[in-house]
Amino acid sequence: MKVTTKKAITLLFILTVYQQLVNAQIQSENRPNIIVILADDLGYGDVGFTGCKDIKTPQIDNLAQSGVVCTNAYVTHPYCGPSRAGLLTGRHQARFGMEINPTNSPFDLHMGLPLEEKTFGERLKEVGYTTAIIGKWHMGGAPPYHPNNRGFDHFYGFLSGGHSYFPSGINAISPLVNKNGQPNYCANEGDYKPLWRNNGAGEFKEYLTRALSNDAAAFVKSADKPFLLYLAYNAPHQPLQAPKETIQKYSHIENKYRRTYAAMIDEMDQGIGTVVKALKATGKYENTIIFFLSDNGGDRAIKPWQPVHYTSNFPYRKGKGSFFEGGIHVPFFIHWPDGIEKPLEFDGLVSSLDISATAYAVAGVDTVGRKLDGIDLVPFIQRKKKGSPHEAIFWRENEGKAWAVRTVDAKYLLTSSKEKPQLFDMKKDPYESENIVETKSKKRAQIASLWNKWNEENKPVIWLQSGEYQKRRLQLYQELHQEMIDKASERKPLIIE
């Protein structure tokens, strides 16, 4: 049979297009799964791969030791709400003014992660990934902010900023008032409520960390295409609660608060092992990227009911809530057997914002015009690119009443409006022990100009911090109640004939 030139060209074109489709399908199938494991208030010095001796984290350590440990990794804020907003969007939360802990307010259509800011769940879902968040959300409680409406196919966890770890804590006395019947302005709606499973109630019959881990393992097993799993543990955030048998493992720790804290980390470590086991059982382990980090440093506040410290951010200074290293410098590793040939300790500046950028790069997300603040880390972890991903990393709180800048060799910060700026040589003094601000005016001016330029694109804060928000809300209810009483007192009884 004779084939004309025209037919041959047409046939060649069809074969070429078909091959491109096949190649695209193969590429799609080979895209890595992505797991982001976020601990809550985990101290830098409280896992084995950063030097901890009294708490055992073998599962976490095994992943870290066969992956890339980033020794200069930072989150975007020293407490959870803003830090998570940056992580989820890949944009610094100051870009959209979210420098507060959102309150879980189910009827407030304005309290939550701005709807115009897309999450990594939304971006990855657009390119065919199955997406899930398991654990703590803390990005808004009204329906528009619900995880299922923010790019996540599957949600099992809670919407608020904290939660009881045991089922017996559910339906406890409302925290809206304290033991004396006075308003509790620090109450977080949802801490004592049932869990969610998508848009309904979620079963909760075991220690919470175990429940989250088991659900994550089930999701891993069920996913039949590339997936994103955001496993947002609330461990080891307060309340300090753990199974008695796990606490008993740490009887050698004299500090009873740290003993329970250690058990909470141990339970999280075991849970991560459960997820890894599911990956291996389904043949997904090799081609899954696992990011591990904490949302901020360990809590170092002294409280009446906890008169001693129980976390460690060693060797760094301060902790949660501070722009010193202990508040923002977090344990961080990337594990990816198919993508990382040899274990590596990487000392370039890394940000939690880089997780989104890296995920988008490996998943094939178009990032043109997205205004992301992160950088794709793949060339660095694969040793194809040297140096630091970032020349400078920035922080801001209360629109600049506190701020910080970390460059490759220095750090300039203001901890509060009541203090004076401080400058540290991060090569010679990574633990911030010697303030050199008075002798390095040129360096100070250079770093200040970097921060000022970065801050030009940031926005003012338009939300109340959770405690103040709760105070105003309770005042509103009281004022409304009094208004109704006053109006009722003016009305005369109806007289009928």
Protein backbone atom coordinates (compact mmCIF):
# COMPACT_ATOMS: atom_id res chain seq x y z
CA MET A 1 0.00 0.00 0.00
CA LYS A 2 1.35 3.36 -1.02
CA VAL A 3 1.53 6.07 1.63
CA THR A 4 1.46 9.63 0.30
CA THR A 5 3.77 12.26 1.72
CA LYS A 6 0.76 14.09 3.18
CA LYS A 7 -0.51 10.94 4.90
CA ALA A 8 2.98 10.16 6.19
CA ILE A 9 3.31 13.61 7.70
CA THR A 10 -0.14 13.29 9.28
CA LEU A 11 0.69 9.86 10.66
CA LEU A 12 4.01 11.12 12.03
CA PHE A 13 2.23 14.05 13.68
CA ILE A 14 -0.32 11.72 15.31
CA LEU A 15 2.43 9.41 16.56
CA THR A 16 4.39 12.38 17.92
CA VAL A 17 1.38 13.76 19.80
CA TYR A 18 0.57 10.28 21.12
CA GLN A 19 4.12 9.82 22.36
CA GLN A 20 4.01 13.22 24.05
CA LEU A 21 0.81 12.22 25.82
CA VAL A 22 2.34 8.91 26.87
CA ASN A 23 5.46 10.67 28.14
CA ALA A 24 3.32 13.19 30.00
CA GLN A 25 1.35 10.36 31.58
CA ILE A 26 4.53 8.55 32.60
CA GLN A 27 5.92 11.77 34.02
CA SER A 28 2.67 12.36 35.87
CA GLU A 29 2.74 8.88 37.35
CA ASN A 30 6.36 9.29 38.39
CA ARG A 31 5.87 12.58 40.16
CA PRO A 32 6.79 12.15 43.82
CA ASN A 33 4.33 11.99 46.66
CA ILE A 34 4.80 14.83 49.14
CA ILE A 35 4.42 14.65 52.92
CA VAL A 36 4.84 17.70 55.14
CA ILE A 37 5.13 16.70 58.81
CA LEU A 38 4.74 19.66 61.12
CA ALA A 39 5.32 19.35 64.86
CA ASP A 40 3.82 21.94 67.19
CA ASP A 41 6.05 23.83 69.68
CA LEU A 42 8.84 21.26 69.34
CA GLY A 43 12.11 22.45 70.88
CA TYR A 44 15.15 22.51 68.60
CA GLY A 45 17.08 20.38 71.06
CA ASP A 46 14.33 17.80 71.66
CA VAL A 47 14.94 15.32 68.82
CA GLY A 48 17.84 12.96 68.37
CA PHE A 49 19.17 14.31 65.08
CA THR A 50 19.74 17.74 66.67
CA GLY A 51 21.51 16.26 69.69
CA CYS A 52 18.83 15.30 72.22
CA LYS A 53 19.89 12.50 74.59
CA ASP A 54 16.98 12.01 76.99
CA ILE A 55 14.13 11.70 74.45
CA LYS A 56 14.14 8.84 71.95
CA THR A 57 13.12 9.63 68.36
CA PRO A 58 14.45 6.69 66.27
CA GLN A 59 11.93 7.01 63.44
CA ILE A 60 12.56 10.73 62.96
CA ASP A 61 16.32 10.23 63.27
CA ASN A 62 16.42 7.43 60.69
CA LEU A 63 14.68 9.65 58.14
CA ALA A 64 16.95 12.60 58.93
CA GLN A 65 20.16 10.58 58.78
CA SER A 66 19.35 9.21 55.33
CA GLY A 67 18.16 12.55 53.96
CA VAL A 68 19.24 16.19 54.00
CA VAL A 69 19.41 17.88 57.40
CA CYS A 70 19.13 21.65 57.02
CA THR A 71 21.08 23.11 59.91
CA ASN A 72 20.08 26.72 59.23
CA ALA A 73 16.35 26.33 58.67
CA TYR A 74 13.77 28.86 59.81
CA VAL A 75 10.04 29.37 60.05
CA THR A 76 8.41 32.71 59.29
CA HIS A 77 7.11 33.48 62.79
CA PRO A 78 7.80 32.45 66.40
CA TYR A 79 4.26 31.21 67.08
CA CYS A 80 1.88 28.96 65.25
CA GLY A 81 -0.84 30.89 63.39
CA PRO A 82 1.34 33.18 61.28
CA SER A 83 3.95 30.45 60.83
CA ARG A 84 1.34 28.07 59.40
CA ALA A 85 -0.11 30.78 57.14
CA GLY A 86 3.30 31.24 55.55
CA LEU A 87 3.93 27.51 55.25
CA LEU A 88 0.55 26.80 53.63
CA THR A 89 0.77 29.58 51.04
CA GLY A 90 4.47 29.75 50.27
CA ARG A 91 4.15 33.50 50.80
CA HIS A 92 5.34 35.35 53.87
CA GLN A 93 2.25 36.06 55.95
CA ALA A 94 3.25 39.74 56.20
CA ARG A 95 2.43 39.94 52.47
CA PHE A 96 -1.23 39.66 53.48
CA GLY A 97 -0.98 41.02 57.02
CA MET A 98 -1.71 37.82 58.93
CA GLU A 99 0.44 38.33 62.01
CA ILE A 100 -2.09 36.94 64.49
CA ASN A 101 -3.37 33.59 65.75
CA PRO A 102 -6.78 33.23 64.04
CA THR A 103 -9.66 32.42 66.36
CA ASN A 104 -11.83 29.42 65.53
CA SER A 105 -15.00 31.47 65.05
CA PRO A 106 -17.55 29.46 63.02
CA PHE A 107 -19.81 32.44 62.20
CA ASP A 108 -17.14 35.00 61.32
CA LEU A 109 -16.73 35.12 57.53
CA HIS A 110 -13.62 37.30 57.84
CA MET A 111 -11.56 35.44 60.45
CA GLY A 112 -9.20 33.10 58.63
CA LEU A 113 -6.51 32.66 56.01
CA PRO A 114 -7.51 35.13 53.26
CA LEU A 115 -9.48 33.37 50.53
CA GLU A 116 -7.46 35.02 47.76
CA GLU A 117 -4.31 33.31 49.07
CA LYS A 118 -4.05 29.81 47.62
CA THR A 119 -2.73 26.96 49.76
CA PHE A 120 -0.32 24.29 48.56
CA GLY A 121 -3.31 21.97 48.71
CA GLU A 122 -5.10 24.04 46.07
CA ARG A 123 -2.04 24.35 43.84
CA LEU A 124 -1.23 20.65 43.90
CA LYS A 125 -4.83 19.60 43.47
CA GLU A 126 -4.92 21.66 40.27
CA VAL A 127 -2.20 19.45 38.76
CA GLY A 128 -3.81 16.15 39.74
CA TYR A 129 -2.60 15.42 43.26
CA THR A 130 -4.85 13.87 45.88
CA THR A 131 -4.56 16.11 48.93
CA ALA A 132 -5.09 15.67 52.66
CA ILE A 133 -4.61 17.54 55.89
CA ILE A 134 -4.61 15.51 59.07
CA GLY A 135 -4.34 17.26 62.43
CA LYS A 136 -4.36 20.93 63.35
CA TRP A 137 -5.78 23.53 60.94
CA HIS A 138 -5.91 26.86 62.87
CA MET A 139 -6.64 28.87 59.73
CA GLY A 140 -10.28 29.76 60.34
CA GLY A 141 -13.45 28.01 61.53
CA ALA A 142 -16.18 29.43 59.28
CA PRO A 143 -17.23 27.31 56.26
CA PRO A 144 -15.25 29.25 53.60
CA TYR A 145 -12.03 28.57 55.53
CA HIS A 146 -12.69 24.87 56.14
CA PRO A 147 -9.84 22.68 54.79
CA ASN A 148 -12.16 20.95 52.30
CA ASN A 149 -12.77 24.40 50.80
CA ARG A 150 -9.07 25.30 50.76
CA GLY A 151 -7.75 22.58 48.49
CA PHE A 152 -7.79 19.46 50.65
CA ASP A 153 -9.76 16.43 49.53
CA HIS A 154 -9.50 14.80 52.94
CA PHE A 155 -9.54 16.32 56.41
CA TYR A 156 -9.34 14.58 59.76
CA GLY A 157 -8.50 16.72 62.76
CA PHE A 158 -9.59 19.97 64.38
CA LEU A 159 -10.04 23.58 63.31
CA SER A 160 -8.83 25.32 66.47
CA GLY A 161 -5.32 26.04 67.73
CA GLY A 162 -5.25 23.23 70.29
CA HIS A 163 -7.07 20.11 71.40
CA SER A 164 -7.41 17.61 74.22
CA TYR A 165 -5.34 14.48 73.54
CA PHE A 166 -7.76 12.02 75.13
CA PRO A 167 -11.39 11.29 74.18
CA SER A 168 -12.33 11.87 77.81
CA GLY A 169 -11.53 15.54 77.29
CA ILE A 170 -14.32 15.95 74.76
CA ASN A 171 -17.41 17.90 75.85
CA ALA A 172 -15.65 19.23 78.92
CA ILE A 173 -16.91 22.37 80.66
CA SER A 174 -16.77 25.26 78.23
CA PRO A 175 -13.49 27.20 78.48
CA LEU A 176 -15.32 30.47 77.79
CA VAL A 177 -15.40 31.03 81.54
CA ASN A 178 -12.83 30.13 84.17
CA LYS A 179 -13.38 28.26 87.43
CA ASN A 180 -14.61 31.45 89.07
CA GLY A 181 -17.18 32.07 86.36
CA GLN A 182 -15.24 34.99 84.88
CA PRO A 183 -14.72 35.42 81.12
CA ASN A 184 -11.70 33.55 79.76
CA TYR A 185 -10.23 35.79 77.11
CA CYS A 186 -7.64 33.20 76.12
CA ALA A 187 -10.19 30.48 75.38
CA ASN A 188 -9.87 28.76 72.01
CA GLU A 189 -13.15 27.42 70.70
CA GLY A 190 -12.80 23.80 69.65
CA ASP A 191 -10.14 22.63 72.08
CA TYR A 192 -12.66 20.32 73.75
CA LYS A 193 -14.94 19.58 70.81
CA PRO A 194 -15.20 16.40 68.69
CA LEU A 195 -12.81 15.98 65.80
CA TRP A 196 -13.82 16.63 62.22
CA ARG A 197 -13.78 14.14 59.37
CA ASN A 198 -14.29 16.29 56.32
CA ASN A 199 -17.62 18.07 56.92
CA GLY A 200 -18.84 15.78 59.69
CA ALA A 201 -17.82 14.49 63.10
CA GLY A 202 -14.71 12.32 63.23
CA GLU A 203 -14.36 9.23 65.39
CA PHE A 204 -11.94 9.72 68.28
CA LYS A 205 -11.39 6.67 70.50
CA GLU A 206 -7.66 6.67 71.20
CA TYR A 207 -4.78 8.99 72.10
CA LEU A 208 -4.99 11.81 69.58
CA THR A 209 -1.47 11.50 68.17
CA ARG A 210 -2.13 7.81 67.47
CA ALA A 211 -5.48 8.61 65.86
CA LEU A 212 -3.88 11.17 63.54
CA SER A 213 -1.02 8.83 62.63
CA ASN A 214 -3.35 5.92 61.90
CA ASP A 215 -5.52 8.09 59.68
CA ALA A 216 -2.44 9.33 57.85
CA ALA A 217 -1.30 5.75 57.24
CA ALA A 218 -4.75 4.85 55.93
CA PHE A 219 -4.65 7.81 53.54
CA VAL A 220 -1.22 6.76 52.26
CA LYS A 221 -2.48 3.26 51.58
CA SER A 222 -5.63 4.45 49.80
CA ALA A 223 -4.05 7.05 47.50
CA ASP A 224 -3.97 5.73 43.94
CA LYS A 225 -2.16 8.69 42.38
CA PRO A 226 0.47 11.21 43.51
CA PHE A 227 -0.58 12.70 46.81
CA LEU A 228 0.11 15.56 49.18
CA LEU A 229 -0.24 14.80 52.88
CA TYR A 230 0.00 17.67 55.35
CA LEU A 231 0.37 15.88 58.67
CA ALA A 232 0.02 18.70 61.19
CA TYR A 233 0.48 17.16 64.62
CA ASN A 234 -0.48 19.21 67.66
CA ALA A 235 2.18 17.31 69.61
CA PRO A 236 3.96 18.34 71.72
CA HIS A 237 1.83 21.49 72.21
CA GLN A 238 0.01 21.85 75.51
CA PRO A 239 -1.94 20.46 77.27
CA LEU A 240 0.80 18.11 78.45
CA GLN A 241 -0.96 14.75 78.12
CA ALA A 242 0.35 11.31 77.18
CA PRO A 243 -0.45 7.62 77.80
CA LYS A 244 0.77 6.45 81.20
CA GLU A 245 2.80 3.61 79.72
CA THR A 246 4.71 6.01 77.49
CA ILE A 247 5.34 8.44 80.34
CA GLN A 248 6.72 5.50 82.33
CA LYS A 249 9.40 5.00 79.64
CA TYR A 250 10.83 8.35 80.74
CA SER A 251 10.86 7.80 84.49
CA HIS A 252 14.58 8.66 84.38
CA ILE A 253 13.67 12.31 83.66
CA GLU A 254 13.36 14.13 86.98
CA ASN A 255 11.30 17.07 85.67
CA LYS A 256 7.74 15.68 85.63
CA TYR A 257 6.61 18.18 82.98
CA ARG A 258 9.46 17.21 80.67
CA ARG A 259 8.67 13.56 81.37
CA THR A 260 5.20 13.94 79.86
CA TYR A 261 6.53 16.20 77.10
CA ALA A 262 9.06 13.50 76.20
CA ALA A 263 6.28 10.91 76.01
CA MET A 264 4.33 13.17 73.66
CA ILE A 265 7.31 13.43 71.32
CA ASP A 266 7.84 9.67 71.60
CA GLU A 267 4.21 9.08 70.54
CA MET A 268 4.67 11.40 67.57
CA ASP A 269 7.84 9.57 66.59
CA GLN A 270 6.03 6.22 66.75
CA GLY A 271 3.23 7.70 64.64
CA ILE A 272 5.68 8.82 61.98
CA GLY A 273 6.97 5.26 61.97
CA THR A 274 3.41 4.07 61.30
CA VAL A 275 3.22 6.35 58.25
CA VAL A 276 6.62 5.21 56.98
CA LYS A 277 5.52 1.58 57.36
CA ALA A 278 2.45 2.34 55.22
CA LEU A 279 4.66 3.95 52.56
CA LYS A 280 6.89 0.88 52.41
CA ALA A 281 3.97 -1.56 52.37
CA THR A 282 2.48 0.16 49.33
CA GLY A 283 5.74 0.67 47.43
CA LYS A 284 5.56 4.47 47.77
CA TYR A 285 8.46 5.01 50.13
CA GLU A 286 11.23 5.55 47.59
CA ASN A 287 9.43 8.23 45.61
CA THR A 288 7.97 10.21 48.49
CA ILE A 289 9.48 13.50 49.65
CA ILE A 290 9.10 13.97 53.39
CA PHE A 291 9.64 17.40 54.94
CA PHE A 292 9.88 17.52 58.72
CA LEU A 293 9.94 20.67 60.85
CA SER A 294 8.35 22.44 63.82
CA ASP A 295 6.08 25.48 63.50
CA ASN A 296 8.26 27.42 65.97
CA GLY A 297 10.57 26.85 68.90
CA GLY A 298 9.78 25.11 72.15
CA ASP A 299 7.69 26.96 74.72
CA ARG A 300 9.99 28.48 77.36
CA ALA A 301 7.37 30.49 79.25
CA ILE A 302 7.04 29.97 82.99
CA LYS A 303 3.44 29.47 84.09
CA PRO A 304 1.87 29.15 87.56
CA TRP A 305 0.93 25.55 86.88
CA GLN A 306 4.33 24.79 85.30
CA PRO A 307 6.97 26.65 87.32
CA VAL A 308 9.94 25.16 85.44
CA HIS A 309 11.02 24.88 81.82
CA TYR A 310 10.33 21.54 80.16
CA THR A 311 11.48 22.15 76.56
CA SER A 312 14.97 22.61 75.18
CA ASN A 313 16.00 24.82 72.27
CA PHE A 314 19.66 24.10 72.99
CA PRO A 315 22.03 25.46 71.81
CA TYR A 316 19.90 28.45 70.90
CA ARG A 317 18.63 31.38 72.90
CA LYS A 318 15.01 31.91 74.08
CA GLY A 319 12.07 30.08 72.51
CA LYS A 320 8.51 30.33 71.25
CA GLY A 321 7.42 33.95 70.75
CA SER A 322 10.97 35.28 70.33
CA PHE A 323 12.94 36.38 67.27
CA PHE A 324 16.09 35.06 68.91
CA GLU A 325 17.17 31.77 67.37
CA GLY A 326 15.29 29.61 69.85
CA GLY A 327 11.97 30.92 68.60
CA ILE A 328 12.44 30.60 64.83
CA HIS A 329 15.39 28.27 64.14
CA VAL A 330 13.78 24.82 63.87
CA PRO A 331 14.76 21.16 63.32
CA PHE A 332 14.29 20.52 59.60
CA PHE A 333 15.07 17.69 57.20
CA ILE A 334 14.11 16.49 53.73
CA HIS A 335 13.93 12.76 52.99
CA TRP A 336 13.56 11.45 49.42
CA PRO A 337 15.27 8.15 48.51
CA ASP A 338 14.69 8.57 44.76
CA GLY A 339 15.90 12.15 44.75
CA ILE A 340 18.74 12.22 47.27
CA GLU A 341 21.74 10.04 46.50
CA LYS A 342 23.74 10.60 49.68
CA PRO A 343 22.90 11.99 53.13
CA LEU A 344 23.87 15.62 53.55
CA GLU A 345 24.11 18.31 56.18
CA PHE A 346 23.23 21.54 54.42
CA ASP A 347 24.08 24.86 56.10
CA GLY A 348 22.55 27.30 53.61
CA LEU A 349 19.68 29.51 54.76
CA VAL A 350 16.41 27.59 54.36
CA SER A 351 12.88 28.83 55.00
CA SER A 352 9.63 26.99 55.57
CA LEU A 353 8.46 28.99 52.54
CA ASP A 354 10.74 26.80 50.42
CA ILE A 355 8.54 23.76 51.01
CA SER A 356 5.82 25.06 48.69
CA ALA A 357 8.31 26.17 46.05
CA THR A 358 10.03 22.78 46.11
CA ALA A 359 6.73 20.88 46.00
CA TYR A 360 5.56 22.94 43.03
CA ALA A 361 8.80 22.32 41.16
CA VAL A 362 8.63 18.51 41.46
CA ALA A 363 4.86 18.39 40.84
CA GLY A 364 4.88 20.56 37.75
CA VAL A 365 2.90 23.51 39.13
CA ASP A 366 3.13 26.66 37.00
CA THR A 367 4.48 29.34 39.34
CA VAL A 368 4.77 32.18 36.83
CA GLY A 369 3.30 35.32 38.38
CA ARG A 370 2.51 33.60 41.69
CA LYS A 371 4.69 35.97 43.80
CA LEU A 372 6.04 33.15 45.95
CA ASP A 373 8.68 33.93 48.56
CA GLY A 374 10.25 30.46 48.69
CA ILE A 375 12.96 28.83 46.58
CA ASP A 376 13.10 25.37 45.01
CA LEU A 377 15.55 23.38 47.16
CA VAL A 378 15.98 20.42 44.78
CA PRO A 379 19.14 21.77 43.05
CA PHE A 380 20.72 22.33 46.46
CA ILE A 381 19.84 18.98 48.04
CA GLN A 382 20.99 17.19 44.88
CA ARG A 383 24.32 19.08 44.99
CA LYS A 384 23.71 20.66 41.56
CA LYS A 385 23.80 24.14 43.02
CA LYS A 386 26.09 25.52 45.71
CA GLY A 387 25.71 28.34 48.16
CA SER A 388 22.72 29.51 50.14
CA PRO A 389 19.17 29.43 48.74
CA HIS A 390 18.52 32.77 50.48
CA GLU A 391 20.86 35.69 50.95
CA ALA A 392 18.50 37.03 53.61
CA ILE A 393 15.42 35.87 55.55
CA PHE A 394 13.00 38.35 57.14
CA TRP A 395 10.57 38.48 60.06
CA ARG A 396 7.98 40.99 61.21
CA GLU A 397 5.49 41.15 64.08
CA ASN A 398 2.84 43.81 64.80
CA GLU A 399 3.75 45.58 61.55
CA GLY A 400 7.32 46.02 62.73
CA LYS A 401 7.15 46.63 66.46
CA ALA A 402 9.41 43.58 66.49
CA TRP A 403 11.48 42.47 63.50
CA ALA A 404 14.52 40.49 62.45
CA VAL A 405 16.77 39.87 59.45
CA ARG A 406 19.11 36.92 59.07
CA THR A 407 21.73 37.11 56.35
CA VAL A 408 24.35 34.48 55.63
CA ASP A 409 26.80 36.07 58.05
CA ALA A 410 24.78 38.29 60.41
CA LYS A 411 21.49 38.84 62.21
CA TYR A 412 19.89 42.17 63.08
CA LEU A 413 16.80 42.23 65.28
CA LEU A 414 14.50 44.22 67.52
CA THR A 415 12.72 42.10 70.10
CA SER A 416 10.19 44.74 71.22
CA SER A 417 9.47 48.46 71.05
CA LYS A 418 10.84 48.75 74.60
CA GLU A 419 14.28 47.42 73.61
CA LYS A 420 17.09 48.56 71.33
CA PRO A 421 18.16 46.78 68.12
CA GLN A 422 20.82 44.10 68.40
CA LEU A 423 23.30 42.78 65.85
CA PHE A 424 25.13 39.45 65.90
CA ASP A 425 27.92 37.89 63.83
CA MET A 426 26.28 34.56 62.93
CA LYS A 427 29.51 33.01 61.67
CA LYS A 428 31.47 33.60 64.86
CA ASP A 429 28.53 33.82 67.25
CA PRO A 430 25.59 31.68 66.04
CA TYR A 431 24.17 31.57 69.58
CA GLU A 432 23.71 35.35 69.83
CA SER A 433 25.82 36.00 72.88
CA GLU A 434 27.67 39.21 71.87
CA ASN A 435 25.76 42.24 70.62
CA ILE A 436 28.00 44.14 68.16
CA VAL A 437 25.48 46.75 67.02
CA GLU A 438 27.52 49.70 68.35
CA THR A 439 30.67 48.75 66.43
CA LYS A 440 29.20 47.70 63.08
CA SER A 441 27.19 50.69 61.88
CA LYS A 442 27.86 49.98 58.20
CA LYS A 443 26.68 46.38 58.47
CA ARG A 444 23.64 47.54 60.42
CA ALA A 445 22.71 50.05 57.69
CA GLN A 446 23.15 47.44 54.94
CA ILE A 447 20.86 44.94 56.64
CA ALA A 448 18.31 47.62 57.55
CA SER A 449 18.03 48.59 53.89
CA LEU A 450 17.31 44.96 52.98
CA TRP A 451 14.47 44.77 55.51
CA ASN A 452 13.01 48.13 54.43
CA LYS A 453 12.93 47.05 50.80
CA TRP A 454 11.30 43.72 51.72
CA ASN A 455 8.73 45.43 53.93
CA GLU A 456 7.53 47.70 51.11
CA GLU A 457 5.42 44.84 49.73
CA ASN A 458 3.87 43.89 53.06
CA LYS A 459 0.39 44.82 54.28
CA PRO A 460 -1.01 46.13 57.56
CA VAL A 461 -2.67 43.72 59.98
CA ILE A 462 -6.49 43.80 59.82
CA TRP A 463 -7.33 41.07 62.38
CA LEU A 464 -7.33 41.07 66.17
CA GLN A 465 -5.06 38.73 68.06
CA SER A 466 -7.01 35.77 69.46
CA GLY A 467 -7.13 36.98 73.08
CA GLU A 468 -8.27 40.48 72.15
CA TYR A 469 -10.71 39.07 69.61
CA GLN A 470 -12.28 36.86 72.27
CA LYS A 471 -12.50 39.81 74.66
CA ARG A 472 -14.28 41.94 72.06
CA ARG A 473 -16.62 39.11 71.15
CA LEU A 474 -17.68 38.52 74.75
CA GLN A 475 -18.17 42.26 75.16
CA LEU A 476 -20.39 42.25 72.06
CA TYR A 477 -22.56 39.52 73.53
CA GLN A 478 -22.83 41.42 76.82
CA GLU A 479 -23.69 44.69 75.08
CA LEU A 480 -26.27 42.97 72.90
CA HIS A 481 -27.82 41.33 75.94
CA GLN A 482 -27.97 44.64 77.81
CA GLU A 483 -29.46 46.36 74.76
CA MET A 484 -32.24 43.79 74.60
CA ILE A 485 -32.91 44.19 78.33
CA ASP A 486 -33.11 47.99 77.96
CA LYS A 487 -35.47 47.79 75.01
CA ALA A 488 -37.65 45.24 76.77
CA SER A 489 -37.94 47.48 79.83
CA GLU A 490 -39.40 50.28 77.68
CA ARG A 491 -42.19 48.16 76.28
CA LYS A 492 -45.54 48.19 78.07
CA PRO A 493 -47.57 45.03 78.55
CA LEU A 494 -50.19 44.29 75.93
CA ILE A 495 -53.76 44.90 77.07
CA ILE A 496 -56.49 43.07 75.22
CA GLU A 497 -60.25 43.68 75.33
